[in-house]
Amino acid sequence: MLRIRLIPVLLFKEGRMIKTIKFTSFRDVGDPLRTVRVYDAQGADELIFLDISATVDGRKHLLDIISASARECFIPITVGGGIQSVDDARKVFNAGADRVSISTAAVENPELINNLAENFGRANLVVCIDVKLDRDNNYGVSTHSATRVMSLDPVEWAQEMAQRGAGEILLHFVDRDGTMESGYDLELLLKITSAVSIPVIACGGVGNLQHLVDGVKIGGASAVAAASIFHFTDQSPIKAHSYMSGAGLTVCIA
């Protein structure tokens, strides 16, 4: 059985590490390098860096953080935010990232996914689907840091991204981001994991360790990601791995 990965998420805005609630109410949460060292020591399987502003200055700072983080830790780092071309991706890889994550640019230019897969390989390419409820309470694919909701069906979009060359889907529930309440939307998660043959990372809404287990056992996720539960509670990747293992999941115990 494949090992289930546990992935802390670090959000950046204008070069600062932040936390949000539904991509609003920004809160500075400290030194990213210190956080990276802690997650590395606590046995996180991977890290995801997401730049939700991707300004010119912010991108320069983020590249510096990627380089420093790659020197500090020995776990894979996926980086997303503002990557709009093969050249953008190459800069992120050269800075030390192991994989890139594409969101808005995939919607604006789906052919970019084909090009990135051809240049860097499917295994190094993640497509982030920021799902958000529209005015009719139906899920759509959001872009531009969740400020716009497109008339794209998330399941069909995941299938297209997989066909175009994505090696993995990061399914981010924007309306649950930072709430630490009800966990992942297991119904939509299961629809997407059942519709694609590539791995799916679930992200957004984790408030307790059982939510991580449910994401795998009920939602079919290959990996579970979280942020606030590690920033604002006494939970850690060590405790999460132990709990997941006790629930019968195959994980890597640090």
Protein backbone atom coordinates (compact mmCIF):
# COMPACT_ATOMS: atom_id res chain seq x y z
CA MET A 1 0.00 0.00 0.00
CA LEU A 2 1.26 3.47 -0.88
CA ARG A 3 2.25 5.69 2.02
CA ILE A 4 -0.16 8.56 2.73
CA ARG A 5 1.66 11.88 2.72
CA LEU A 6 1.11 14.64 5.28
CA ILE A 7 1.89 18.09 3.90
CA PRO A 8 1.97 21.39 5.82
CA VAL A 9 1.12 24.44 3.71
CA LEU A 10 2.90 27.80 4.01
CA LEU A 11 1.14 30.83 2.51
CA PHE A 12 3.06 33.91 1.42
CA LYS A 13 1.92 37.41 0.57
CA GLU A 14 4.41 40.06 -0.57
CA GLY A 15 7.27 38.00 0.82
CA ARG A 16 5.71 37.46 4.26
CA MET A 17 4.41 34.17 5.66
CA ILE A 18 0.73 34.56 6.52
CA LYS A 19 -2.44 32.69 7.38
CA THR A 20 -5.86 33.56 6.05
CA ILE A 21 -9.50 32.72 6.54
CA LYS A 22 -11.02 32.01 3.13
CA PHE A 23 -8.13 33.97 1.54
CA THR A 24 -9.04 37.11 3.57
CA SER A 25 -8.18 38.37 7.08
CA PHE A 26 -4.44 38.11 6.56
CA ARG A 27 -2.38 37.38 9.65
CA ASP A 28 1.41 37.35 9.84
CA VAL A 29 2.58 34.07 11.34
CA GLY A 30 6.31 34.48 11.74
CA ASP A 31 9.62 33.39 10.30
CA PRO A 32 9.25 30.96 7.39
CA LEU A 33 12.72 29.43 7.77
CA ARG A 34 12.13 28.64 11.41
CA THR A 35 8.82 27.04 10.45
CA VAL A 36 10.48 24.99 7.72
CA ARG A 37 13.09 23.72 10.20
CA VAL A 38 10.35 22.71 12.65
CA TYR A 39 8.32 20.85 10.03
CA ASP A 40 11.45 19.10 8.78
CA ALA A 41 12.35 18.00 12.32
CA GLN A 42 8.78 16.84 12.95
CA GLY A 43 8.78 14.54 9.96
CA ALA A 44 6.50 16.30 7.47
CA ASP A 45 6.51 14.39 4.19
CA GLU A 46 6.51 17.47 1.97
CA LEU A 47 5.94 21.22 2.13
CA ILE A 48 3.78 23.39 -0.10
CA PHE A 49 4.64 27.08 -0.54
CA LEU A 50 1.83 29.15 -2.05
CA ASP A 51 2.38 32.81 -2.96
CA ILE A 52 -1.09 34.35 -3.06
CA SER A 53 0.10 37.77 -4.21
CA ALA A 54 2.99 36.92 -6.55
CA THR A 55 4.08 40.54 -6.81
CA VAL A 56 7.45 41.28 -8.37
CA ASP A 57 9.00 42.09 -4.98
CA GLY A 58 7.20 39.22 -3.32
CA ARG A 59 8.41 36.77 -5.93
CA LYS A 60 12.03 37.83 -5.40
CA HIS A 61 11.67 37.33 -1.66
CA LEU A 62 9.97 33.97 -2.21
CA LEU A 63 12.78 32.74 -4.46
CA ASP A 64 15.23 33.63 -1.70
CA ILE A 65 13.08 31.75 0.83
CA ILE A 66 12.90 28.72 -1.47
CA SER A 67 16.68 28.65 -1.81
CA ALA A 68 17.24 29.00 1.92
CA SER A 69 14.58 26.38 2.70
CA ALA A 70 16.07 23.89 0.26
CA ARG A 71 19.38 24.25 2.10
CA GLU A 72 17.71 23.86 5.50
CA CYS A 73 15.50 20.82 4.96
CA PHE A 74 15.55 17.45 3.26
CA ILE A 75 11.91 17.08 2.25
CA PRO A 76 10.36 17.95 -1.13
CA ILE A 77 9.04 21.48 -1.62
CA THR A 78 6.20 22.34 -4.03
CA VAL A 79 5.88 26.01 -4.96
CA GLY A 80 2.85 27.76 -6.49
CA GLY A 81 1.64 31.25 -7.21
CA GLY A 82 2.15 33.48 -10.23
CA ILE A 83 3.88 30.87 -12.41
CA GLN A 84 2.70 31.73 -15.91
CA SER A 85 5.35 30.31 -18.21
CA VAL A 86 8.02 27.66 -18.61
CA ASP A 87 10.60 30.33 -17.77
CA ASP A 88 8.80 31.21 -14.51
CA ALA A 89 8.77 27.54 -13.56
CA ARG A 90 12.44 27.14 -14.41
CA LYS A 91 13.35 30.00 -12.05
CA VAL A 92 11.43 28.32 -9.24
CA PHE A 93 13.11 24.96 -9.93
CA ASN A 94 16.51 26.63 -10.08
CA ALA A 95 15.83 28.21 -6.70
CA GLY A 96 15.44 24.75 -5.20
CA ALA A 97 11.80 23.72 -5.59
CA ASP A 98 11.09 20.07 -6.32
CA ARG A 99 7.70 20.67 -7.94
CA VAL A 100 5.60 23.57 -9.16
CA SER A 101 1.88 24.17 -8.64
CA ILE A 102 -0.23 25.99 -11.22
CA SER A 103 -3.67 27.45 -10.58
CA THR A 104 -4.90 30.65 -12.29
CA ALA A 105 -2.50 30.30 -15.21
CA ALA A 106 -3.91 26.86 -16.01
CA VAL A 107 -7.39 28.34 -16.39
CA GLU A 108 -6.17 31.25 -18.50
CA ASN A 109 -3.90 29.10 -20.65
CA PRO A 110 -4.58 25.34 -20.36
CA GLU A 111 -1.87 24.61 -22.93
CA LEU A 112 0.66 25.74 -20.32
CA ILE A 113 0.11 22.44 -18.50
CA ASN A 114 1.09 20.50 -21.63
CA ASN A 115 4.20 22.65 -22.04
CA LEU A 116 5.27 22.32 -18.42
CA ALA A 117 4.77 18.55 -18.48
CA GLU A 118 6.85 18.28 -21.65
CA ASN A 119 9.67 20.40 -20.21
CA PHE A 120 9.82 19.18 -16.63
CA GLY A 121 7.86 15.91 -16.50
CA ARG A 122 4.45 15.09 -15.05
CA ALA A 123 5.91 14.05 -11.70
CA ASN A 124 7.10 17.60 -11.10
CA LEU A 125 3.80 19.28 -11.97
CA VAL A 126 0.85 19.90 -9.64
CA VAL A 127 -2.35 21.66 -10.68
CA CYS A 128 -4.08 23.45 -7.82
CA ILE A 129 -7.86 23.63 -8.14
CA ASP A 130 -9.20 26.34 -5.84
CA VAL A 131 -12.84 25.31 -5.55
CA LYS A 132 -15.29 27.90 -4.26
CA LEU A 133 -19.06 28.13 -3.96
CA ASP A 134 -20.75 30.51 -6.38
CA ARG A 135 -23.89 32.58 -5.80
CA ASP A 136 -26.05 29.53 -6.45
CA ASN A 137 -24.10 27.51 -3.86
CA ASN A 138 -22.50 25.35 -6.51
CA TYR A 139 -18.78 24.71 -6.67
CA GLY A 140 -16.78 26.43 -9.39
CA VAL A 141 -13.08 26.81 -10.07
CA SER A 142 -11.80 30.10 -8.66
CA THR A 143 -8.83 32.13 -9.89
CA HIS A 144 -6.79 35.21 -8.93
CA SER A 145 -6.49 34.27 -5.25
CA ALA A 146 -10.14 33.17 -5.18
CA THR A 147 -11.49 36.59 -6.21
CA ARG A 148 -13.16 35.19 -9.34
CA VAL A 149 -15.25 32.06 -9.78
CA MET A 150 -15.27 30.55 -13.26
CA SER A 151 -18.03 28.47 -14.81
CA LEU A 152 -15.88 25.34 -14.77
CA ASP A 153 -16.99 22.08 -13.24
CA PRO A 154 -14.24 21.02 -10.78
CA VAL A 155 -14.51 17.34 -11.66
CA GLU A 156 -14.30 17.95 -15.40
CA TRP A 157 -11.48 20.43 -14.87
CA ALA A 158 -9.50 17.90 -12.85
CA GLN A 159 -9.94 15.37 -15.64
CA GLU A 160 -8.74 17.84 -18.27
CA MET A 161 -5.70 18.80 -16.20
CA ALA A 162 -4.79 15.14 -15.74
CA GLN A 163 -5.12 14.56 -19.49
CA ARG A 164 -2.93 17.57 -20.24
CA GLY A 165 -0.08 16.35 -18.06
CA ALA A 166 -0.64 17.19 -14.41
CA GLY A 167 1.03 14.65 -12.18
CA GLU A 168 -1.09 15.52 -9.16
CA ILE A 169 -4.11 17.61 -8.20
CA LEU A 170 -4.11 19.90 -5.18
CA LEU A 171 -7.79 20.28 -4.32
CA HIS A 172 -8.15 23.40 -2.17
CA PHE A 173 -11.48 24.16 -0.53
CA VAL A 174 -11.33 27.96 -0.38
CA ASP A 175 -14.55 28.41 1.62
CA ARG A 176 -13.07 26.20 4.35
CA ASP A 177 -9.56 27.69 4.29
CA GLY A 178 -8.42 28.63 7.79
CA THR A 179 -11.80 27.89 9.41
CA MET A 180 -10.64 24.73 11.24
CA GLU A 181 -14.26 23.58 11.44
CA SER A 182 -15.74 20.92 9.21
CA GLY A 183 -12.72 19.47 7.43
CA TYR A 184 -12.55 18.73 3.72
CA ASP A 185 -15.67 18.51 1.55
CA LEU A 186 -15.57 14.73 1.38
CA GLU A 187 -18.31 14.45 -1.22
CA LEU A 188 -16.52 16.59 -3.80
CA LEU A 189 -13.16 15.12 -2.84
CA LEU A 190 -14.45 11.61 -3.54
CA LYS A 191 -15.93 12.68 -6.87
CA ILE A 192 -12.57 13.98 -8.01
CA THR A 193 -10.43 11.14 -6.66
CA SER A 194 -12.80 8.72 -8.40
CA ALA A 195 -12.66 10.65 -11.68
CA VAL A 196 -8.87 10.85 -12.13
CA SER A 197 -6.09 8.29 -12.01
CA ILE A 198 -3.48 10.69 -10.63
CA PRO A 199 -3.00 11.41 -6.91
CA VAL A 200 -5.09 14.09 -5.23
CA ILE A 201 -3.98 16.23 -2.27
CA ALA A 202 -6.85 17.51 -0.11
CA CYS A 203 -6.46 20.96 1.48
CA GLY A 204 -8.63 23.40 3.43
CA GLY A 205 -10.70 23.17 6.59
CA VAL A 206 -8.81 20.73 8.83
CA GLY A 207 -9.66 21.34 12.46
CA ASN A 208 -8.78 18.01 14.05
CA LEU A 209 -6.72 14.95 13.22
CA GLN A 210 -9.75 12.85 12.30
CA HIS A 211 -10.35 15.20 9.38
CA LEU A 212 -7.03 14.02 7.93
CA VAL A 213 -8.06 10.39 8.26
CA ASP A 214 -11.48 11.06 6.72
CA GLY A 215 -9.83 12.75 3.76
CA VAL A 216 -8.12 9.48 2.94
CA LYS A 217 -10.60 6.84 4.08
CA ILE A 218 -13.76 8.58 2.88
CA GLY A 219 -12.51 11.08 0.31
CA GLY A 220 -9.88 8.86 -1.31
CA ALA A 221 -7.04 11.42 -1.08
CA SER A 222 -3.48 10.24 -1.63
CA ALA A 223 -2.15 13.07 0.56
CA VAL A 224 -3.60 15.47 3.10
CA ALA A 225 -2.51 19.07 3.54
CA ALA A 226 -3.18 21.51 6.35
CA ALA A 227 -1.91 24.77 7.80
CA SER A 228 -3.88 26.41 10.63
CA ILE A 229 -4.08 23.27 12.76
CA PHE A 230 -0.29 23.25 12.91
CA HIS A 231 0.08 27.02 13.34
CA PHE A 232 -2.59 27.67 15.96
CA THR A 233 -3.03 24.46 17.99
CA ASP A 234 -0.73 22.04 19.78
CA GLN A 235 -1.01 19.53 16.94
CA SER A 236 2.08 18.72 14.89
CA PRO A 237 3.11 16.45 12.02
CA ILE A 238 4.47 14.00 14.62
CA LYS A 239 1.09 13.78 16.38
CA ALA A 240 -0.77 13.69 13.07
CA HIS A 241 1.33 10.81 11.74
CA SER A 242 0.82 8.88 14.96
CA TYR A 243 -2.95 9.41 14.86
CA MET A 244 -3.18 8.47 11.20
CA SER A 245 -1.14 5.33 11.80
CA GLY A 246 -3.41 4.40 14.70
CA ALA A 247 -6.38 4.76 12.36
CA GLY A 248 -4.89 2.16 10.05
CA LEU A 249 -3.26 4.40 7.45
CA THR A 250 0.20 3.69 6.10
CA VAL A 251 2.35 6.70 6.96
CA CYS A 252 5.98 7.49 7.63
CA ILE A 253 6.59 7.77 11.38
CA ALA A 254 9.47 10.17 12.18
